[in-house]
Protein backbone atom coordinates (compact mmCIF):
# COMPACT_ATOMS: atom_id res chain seq x y z
CA MET A 1 -17.17 4.06 -21.80
CA ASP A 2 -15.25 6.26 -24.20
CA VAL A 3 -11.36 5.44 -24.17
CA VAL A 4 -9.49 8.83 -23.79
CA GLN A 5 -6.02 7.39 -24.02
CA SER A 6 -4.48 4.12 -24.47
CA GLY A 7 -0.92 3.01 -23.31
CA LYS A 8 1.19 1.50 -26.26
CA GLY A 9 2.53 -1.35 -24.13
CA GLU A 10 1.89 -4.97 -24.86
CA ILE A 11 -0.23 -6.85 -22.29
CA TYR A 12 -0.74 -10.24 -21.21
CA PHE A 13 -4.51 -10.84 -20.72
CA GLN A 14 -6.73 -13.78 -20.33
CA ASP A 15 -10.58 -13.75 -20.86
CA PRO A 16 -12.02 -13.60 -17.02
CA ASP A 17 -14.70 -16.03 -17.94
CA ALA A 18 -12.39 -18.56 -18.95
CA VAL A 19 -10.31 -18.03 -15.83
CA ARG A 20 -13.37 -18.23 -13.54
CA ALA A 21 -14.01 -21.63 -15.19
CA ARG A 22 -10.53 -22.96 -14.72
CA VAL A 23 -10.74 -22.00 -11.12
CA ALA A 24 -14.05 -23.61 -10.63
CA LYS A 25 -12.40 -26.91 -11.63
CA ARG A 26 -9.67 -26.78 -9.06
CA THR A 27 -10.03 -29.82 -6.79
CA ARG A 28 -10.73 -29.38 -3.10
CA ALA A 29 -9.07 -32.91 -2.27
CA LEU A 30 -6.48 -33.01 0.17
CA VAL A 31 -3.66 -34.32 -1.83
CA PRO A 32 -0.16 -34.24 -0.83
CA LYS A 33 2.08 -31.72 -2.90
CA LEU A 34 5.52 -32.10 -1.18
CA MET A 35 8.18 -32.39 -3.90
CA SER A 36 11.86 -31.38 -4.70
CA LEU A 37 12.57 -28.01 -5.97
CA THR A 38 13.97 -29.51 -9.13
CA ASP A 39 10.67 -31.51 -9.69
CA ALA A 40 8.36 -28.63 -9.11
CA VAL A 41 10.09 -26.35 -11.47
CA ALA A 42 10.37 -29.04 -14.14
CA ARG A 43 6.58 -30.01 -13.69
CA PHE A 44 5.04 -26.49 -13.54
CA VAL A 45 7.24 -23.83 -15.05
CA ASP A 46 7.19 -24.07 -18.84
CA ASP A 47 9.14 -22.32 -21.45
CA GLY A 48 6.88 -19.36 -22.65
CA ASP A 49 5.07 -18.99 -19.24
CA TYR A 50 4.04 -15.59 -17.77
CA MET A 51 5.66 -15.80 -14.32
CA ALA A 52 4.83 -13.60 -11.25
CA CYS A 53 6.31 -13.99 -7.77
CA ASP A 54 5.71 -12.29 -4.27
CA LEU A 55 7.50 -9.69 -2.51
CA THR A 56 11.24 -8.84 -3.44
CA TYR A 57 14.67 -10.24 -3.75
CA PHE A 58 15.68 -8.55 -0.43
CA ILE A 59 12.61 -9.52 1.60
CA ARG A 60 11.30 -13.02 1.57
CA GLY A 61 11.54 -13.40 -2.17
CA PRO A 62 11.36 -16.93 -3.87
CA ASN A 63 15.02 -16.85 -4.92
CA ALA A 64 16.02 -20.40 -4.54
CA VAL A 65 12.95 -21.18 -6.99
CA LEU A 66 14.20 -18.49 -9.49
CA ARG A 67 17.56 -19.84 -9.26
CA GLU A 68 16.39 -23.42 -10.31
CA VAL A 69 14.37 -21.86 -13.07
CA ILE A 70 17.68 -20.51 -14.28
CA ARG A 71 19.47 -23.65 -13.55
CA GLN A 72 16.90 -25.42 -15.77
CA ARG A 73 17.42 -22.99 -18.33
CA LYS A 74 13.66 -22.00 -19.01
CA LYS A 75 13.37 -19.91 -21.98
CA ASN A 76 11.10 -17.00 -23.21
CA LEU A 77 9.25 -16.28 -19.90
CA TRP A 78 7.39 -13.11 -19.54
CA PHE A 79 8.17 -12.00 -15.78
CA CYS A 80 6.01 -9.69 -13.71
CA ALA A 81 8.64 -7.16 -11.90
CA LYS A 82 6.52 -6.27 -9.00
CA TYR A 83 8.48 -4.94 -6.04
CA VAL A 84 11.72 -6.97 -7.27
CA TYR A 85 15.31 -5.67 -7.91
CA ALA A 86 17.85 -8.39 -9.19
CA GLU A 87 15.36 -11.10 -10.16
CA SER A 88 14.50 -9.49 -13.58
CA VAL A 89 18.15 -8.85 -14.56
CA LEU A 90 19.26 -12.18 -13.37
CA LEU A 91 16.44 -13.93 -15.36
CA ALA A 92 17.10 -11.69 -18.64
CA ALA A 93 21.00 -12.16 -18.27
CA ALA A 94 20.54 -15.68 -18.24
CA GLY A 95 18.30 -15.92 -21.40
CA CYS A 96 15.39 -17.10 -19.27
CA ALA A 97 13.12 -13.92 -19.60
CA SER A 98 12.43 -12.25 -22.93
CA ARG A 99 9.75 -9.89 -21.70
CA VAL A 100 9.40 -7.97 -18.49
CA ASP A 101 6.42 -5.95 -17.12
CA ILE A 102 8.29 -3.28 -15.05
CA GLY A 103 7.10 -2.04 -11.43
CA PHE A 104 10.64 -1.69 -10.48
CA PHE A 105 14.04 -2.74 -12.11
CA ALA A 106 17.60 -2.80 -11.18
CA LEU A 107 18.69 -0.28 -13.84
CA GLY A 108 22.17 -0.08 -15.39
CA LYS A 109 24.44 -0.75 -18.27
CA LEU A 110 23.67 -4.34 -18.48
CA VAL A 111 19.85 -3.84 -18.69
CA THR A 112 20.07 -1.03 -21.11
CA SER A 113 22.01 -3.11 -23.47
CA LEU A 114 19.64 -6.11 -23.14
CA VAL A 115 16.66 -3.63 -23.83
CA CYS A 116 18.40 -1.81 -26.62
CA ARG A 117 19.55 -4.85 -28.61
CA GLY A 118 15.98 -6.21 -28.25
CA ASP A 119 16.93 -9.11 -26.17
CA VAL A 120 14.20 -8.13 -23.75
CA LYS A 121 11.14 -6.36 -24.47
CA VAL A 122 9.48 -4.09 -21.52
CA THR A 123 6.19 -2.73 -20.77
CA GLU A 124 6.08 0.03 -18.04
CA TRP A 125 3.92 -0.05 -14.93
CA THR A 126 4.20 0.80 -11.46
CA ASN A 127 4.60 -1.51 -8.46
CA ASP A 128 1.00 -0.53 -7.35
CA THR A 129 -0.49 -1.21 -10.57
CA LEU A 130 0.90 -4.54 -11.29
CA THR A 131 -0.26 -5.64 -7.79
CA LEU A 132 -3.74 -4.06 -8.75
CA ARG A 133 -3.85 -6.10 -12.08
CA LEU A 134 -3.08 -9.12 -9.83
CA HIS A 135 -5.82 -8.40 -7.54
CA ALA A 136 -8.25 -7.97 -10.63
CA GLY A 137 -6.98 -11.52 -11.97
CA ALA A 138 -7.70 -12.83 -8.61
CA MET A 139 -11.26 -11.37 -8.61
CA GLY A 140 -12.01 -12.83 -11.94
CA VAL A 141 -12.79 -9.17 -13.46
CA PRO A 142 -11.59 -7.84 -16.65
CA PHE A 143 -9.88 -4.59 -14.94
CA LEU A 144 -9.80 -2.41 -11.93
CA PRO A 145 -9.79 1.55 -11.73
CA THR A 146 -7.08 3.63 -10.23
CA ARG A 147 -5.88 7.24 -10.25
CA ALA A 148 -2.41 5.91 -10.64
CA LEU A 149 -0.53 6.38 -13.98
CA LEU A 150 -2.53 9.24 -14.79
CA GLY A 151 -0.36 12.37 -15.94
CA SER A 152 2.47 10.34 -16.26
CA ASP A 153 4.70 9.09 -19.07
CA THR A 154 4.59 5.61 -17.66
CA LEU A 155 0.96 5.39 -18.89
CA THR A 156 1.98 6.04 -22.45
CA TYR A 157 4.33 2.95 -22.19
CA SER A 158 1.90 0.67 -20.12
CA GLY A 159 -0.90 -1.23 -21.32
CA ALA A 160 -3.54 0.62 -19.45
CA ARG A 161 -6.56 2.78 -20.88
CA VAL A 162 -7.98 5.80 -19.72
CA VAL A 163 -11.67 6.27 -19.92
CA ALA A 164 -14.19 8.93 -18.85
CA ASP A 165 -15.79 7.84 -15.46
CA PRO A 166 -19.45 7.04 -16.12
CA PHE A 167 -20.25 8.72 -12.64
CA THR A 168 -18.26 11.97 -12.80
CA GLY A 169 -17.28 12.16 -16.34
CA LYS A 170 -13.69 12.62 -15.20
CA PRO A 171 -10.64 10.64 -16.57
CA ILE A 172 -9.98 7.39 -14.64
CA CYS A 173 -7.29 4.72 -15.56
CA LEU A 174 -8.14 1.04 -15.91
CA VAL A 175 -5.59 -1.58 -15.51
CA PRO A 176 -6.15 -4.96 -16.98
CA ALA A 177 -6.39 -8.27 -14.97
CA LEU A 178 -3.35 -10.29 -14.74
CA ASN A 179 -3.58 -14.11 -14.47
CA PRO A 180 -0.12 -15.52 -14.61
CA ASP A 181 0.70 -19.03 -15.94
CA ILE A 182 2.76 -19.56 -12.86
CA GLY A 183 2.92 -17.98 -9.55
CA ILE A 184 5.75 -18.35 -7.10
CA VAL A 185 5.61 -17.53 -3.47
CA HIS A 186 8.00 -18.16 -0.75
CA VAL A 187 6.48 -18.51 2.86
CA HIS A 188 7.30 -19.08 6.58
CA GLN A 189 5.38 -22.35 6.72
CA SER A 190 3.27 -24.62 5.00
CA ASP A 191 1.85 -28.21 5.29
CA VAL A 192 2.18 -30.92 2.48
CA TYR A 193 -1.17 -29.84 1.14
CA GLY A 194 -0.23 -26.15 0.59
CA ASN A 195 -1.79 -24.44 3.29
CA ALA A 196 0.70 -21.64 3.46
CA ARG A 197 1.50 -19.06 6.15
CA VAL A 198 3.14 -15.64 5.61
CA PHE A 199 4.00 -13.62 8.56
CA GLY A 200 5.28 -10.00 8.50
CA ALA A 201 5.99 -7.78 5.39
CA SER A 202 3.87 -8.55 2.35
CA THR A 203 2.38 -7.21 -0.95
CA ALA A 204 0.15 -9.66 -2.66
CA PRO A 205 0.91 -13.62 -1.63
CA LEU A 206 -2.80 -14.64 -1.85
CA GLU A 207 -3.61 -12.44 -4.74
CA THR A 208 -0.85 -13.83 -6.58
CA ALA A 209 -1.88 -17.44 -5.83
CA MET A 210 -5.53 -16.83 -6.70
CA ALA A 211 -4.80 -15.18 -10.05
CA SER A 212 -2.12 -17.81 -11.23
CA ALA A 213 -3.08 -20.90 -13.05
CA LYS A 214 -0.27 -22.84 -11.45
CA VAL A 215 1.39 -22.17 -8.09
CA ILE A 216 4.60 -23.19 -6.44
CA VAL A 217 4.95 -22.55 -2.60
CA SER A 218 8.41 -22.72 -1.14
CA ALA A 219 8.37 -22.94 2.58
CA GLU A 220 11.08 -22.43 5.24
CA GLU A 221 9.26 -24.81 7.39
CA ILE A 222 6.93 -27.92 6.61
CA ILE A 223 4.22 -27.93 9.53
CA ASP A 224 1.77 -30.58 10.38
CA THR A 225 -1.77 -30.26 9.09
CA GLU A 226 -3.09 -30.68 12.64
CA GLU A 227 -1.28 -27.23 13.48
CA VAL A 228 -2.97 -25.67 10.57
CA ARG A 229 -6.47 -26.79 11.94
CA ARG A 230 -5.64 -25.62 15.51
CA ASP A 231 -5.12 -22.05 14.14
CA PRO A 232 -6.74 -21.81 10.68
CA GLY A 233 -6.83 -18.00 10.85
CA LYS A 234 -2.96 -18.07 10.23
CA THR A 235 -3.49 -19.69 6.79
CA THR A 236 -2.52 -16.94 4.01
CA ILE A 237 -2.91 -19.36 1.03
CA PRO A 238 -5.44 -22.18 1.17
CA TYR A 239 -4.25 -25.36 -0.20
CA TYR A 240 -6.65 -25.71 -3.13
CA PHE A 241 -4.71 -22.84 -4.94
CA VAL A 242 -1.39 -24.50 -4.66
CA ASP A 243 0.09 -27.04 -7.13
CA ALA A 244 3.57 -27.79 -5.55
CA VAL A 245 5.09 -27.34 -2.13
CA VAL A 246 8.86 -27.16 -1.74
CA HIS A 247 10.72 -27.44 1.61
CA SER A 248 13.15 -24.54 1.10
CA PRO A 249 15.13 -23.55 4.19
CA PHE A 250 16.99 -20.34 3.43
CA GLY A 251 14.95 -20.12 0.29
CA ALA A 252 15.18 -16.31 0.21
CA TYR A 253 18.78 -16.25 0.30
CA PRO A 254 20.77 -13.73 0.38
CA GLY A 255 17.66 -11.84 1.34
CA THR A 256 15.96 -12.03 4.69
CA VAL A 257 12.87 -13.76 5.90
CA PRO A 258 11.64 -11.73 8.79
CA GLY A 259 11.42 -13.49 12.16
CA LEU A 260 13.72 -16.26 10.77
CA TYR A 261 17.07 -14.76 9.46
CA ARG A 262 18.61 -11.55 8.24
CA GLU A 263 19.96 -10.64 5.07
CA HIS A 264 23.37 -11.99 4.14
CA ARG A 265 24.84 -8.58 3.46
CA GLU A 266 28.03 -9.88 1.78
CA GLY A 267 25.71 -12.01 -0.52
CA LEU A 268 23.43 -9.10 -1.49
CA LEU A 269 26.42 -6.99 -2.09
CA GLU A 270 27.90 -9.61 -4.40
CA THR A 271 24.75 -9.81 -6.11
CA VAL A 272 24.12 -5.97 -6.78
CA GLN A 273 27.72 -5.54 -8.04
CA ALA A 274 27.01 -8.41 -10.59
CA LEU A 275 24.22 -6.56 -12.19
CA ASP A 276 25.88 -4.02 -14.08
CA ALA A 277 28.26 -5.87 -16.40
CA ASP A 278 27.65 -9.10 -18.55
CA ASP A 279 31.08 -10.77 -17.65
CA ARG A 280 30.19 -10.22 -13.75
CA ILE A 281 26.70 -11.63 -13.89
CA GLN A 282 27.85 -14.63 -16.02
CA ALA A 283 30.43 -15.23 -13.32
CA TYR A 284 27.97 -14.81 -10.67
CA LEU A 285 25.50 -17.32 -12.28
CA ASP A 286 28.14 -19.98 -12.72
CA LYS A 287 29.20 -19.63 -8.94
CA TYR A 288 25.55 -19.50 -7.55
CA VAL A 289 23.71 -21.59 -10.30
CA TYR A 290 25.30 -23.49 -12.84
CA SER A 291 28.30 -24.87 -11.13
CA VAL A 292 26.09 -26.48 -8.21
CA GLY A 293 23.50 -29.12 -8.66
CA SER A 294 21.05 -28.04 -6.13
CA GLU A 295 20.12 -25.14 -3.58
CA GLU A 296 21.33 -27.65 -0.81
CA GLU A 297 24.74 -27.71 -2.60
CA MET A 298 24.92 -24.04 -3.27
CA LEU A 299 24.13 -23.04 0.50
CA ASP A 300 26.86 -25.73 1.56
CA LYS A 301 29.65 -24.89 -0.68
CA ARG A 302 29.02 -21.32 -1.46
CA VAL A 303 27.61 -19.73 1.66
CA GLY A 304 28.48 -22.20 4.59
CA VAL A 305 26.91 -23.40 7.75
CA LYS A 306 28.99 -20.62 9.75
CA ASP A 307 27.26 -17.74 7.65
CA LEU A 308 23.84 -19.24 7.82
CA LEU A 309 24.01 -19.75 11.53
CA ARG A 310 25.21 -16.10 11.79
CA ILE A 311 22.36 -14.73 9.86
CA SER A 312 19.89 -16.84 11.77
CA GLY A 313 21.50 -15.57 15.18
CA ALA A 314 21.41 -11.98 13.96
CA GLU A 315 17.40 -12.11 13.58
CA LYS A 316 16.36 -10.65 17.00
CA ILE A 317 12.68 -9.78 16.68
CA ARG A 318 10.79 -13.19 16.61
CA GLU A 319 7.50 -12.37 18.24
CA GLY A 320 4.69 -12.52 16.07
CA TYR A 321 6.38 -14.55 13.32
CA ARG A 322 4.85 -18.02 14.18
C-alpha cells in the first residue's frame, strides 16, 4: 500500500509477532496474586514503562494505583491519556511522566508550561484512536484502519499513516497497535487469581489487559473463586492476563464507581483547581500523596469515614452492578 500521508508524532510500537510469542508463554496456572498496593507498584511498574489505564479519573479510574506510582516517584513514564483528565497532569507535574499520548488532556497554564519547556513530550491522538490502538495490540495485529483523524490537524501531529485503500483506492487512516508495558484497571470485583469483573460504564478494560505485558488489577471487592465459577459470564478480564491483584476499596476516589459510591464533589473540585498552577498542584500532591504512607492513611486522614459513608449512601442505583 502506498503511504499518502504520515503523522510526525513519535509512536510506541512493538513487533506483533514478539507480542504474540510473549502472550503464548503466559501461564494458565491458578496462582494467587493478591498483594499490597505498595508491592504491586514496586514489582510491576518500572521506570521508563509505557503505562495505560482504563476509563477516567471521574469514573472507575485506577486513581489509588496512580497515586502510588507518584508516591514511589517512578520516572520517565510514557502515559496513554485515553479518556482521562487529571491523571496526565498529576503524573507530569510529579515528574513521573515525560511523554504523553493525548486523547484528552486537562489543558491549562501548567500543562502549557511543561510542554513548552520540553519537560513533557506529547503525541496527539483521540480517545477513539488510542482505544483502537489498544484493540489492535490485543488482537496481535500491527494496525487497524479507521476514518478517524482524516482531514484533521490531529493526524499531522499523531503517529498515524494514511494509505490508499486497496479495495477502493480512497484514503484510509491506519493507527499502529499499542502494547503497553504496564496496564492498570480498576474493577468492581476480582478473585485472588485475577478473574475481574467490571459493571456499567466502560471503554476497554479487557483490551487494555490483553494488550499489556504486565497488568495490575485493583478491586473494590475481593470475591471467592467459587462465585466466579457460578457465573463465569460476568468475568470481564480472565485471570491469565493479570499479574497483580490489589484490594482497593474507594480506589477510584475522588471519582465514582457506579453501583458502589458517587463521586466526592469536594475532592474533585480540589483536584481540578490544583491542575492549573505549579504551586497548587505541588501542595495537592503533598496533601494526598507524599505526606501519607498509604491509600488507607490518605482516606482516613484526608477524607474521613463520614464522607466515605456519605458518597456510598448517595449511590442510589445498584441494580445490575453485581
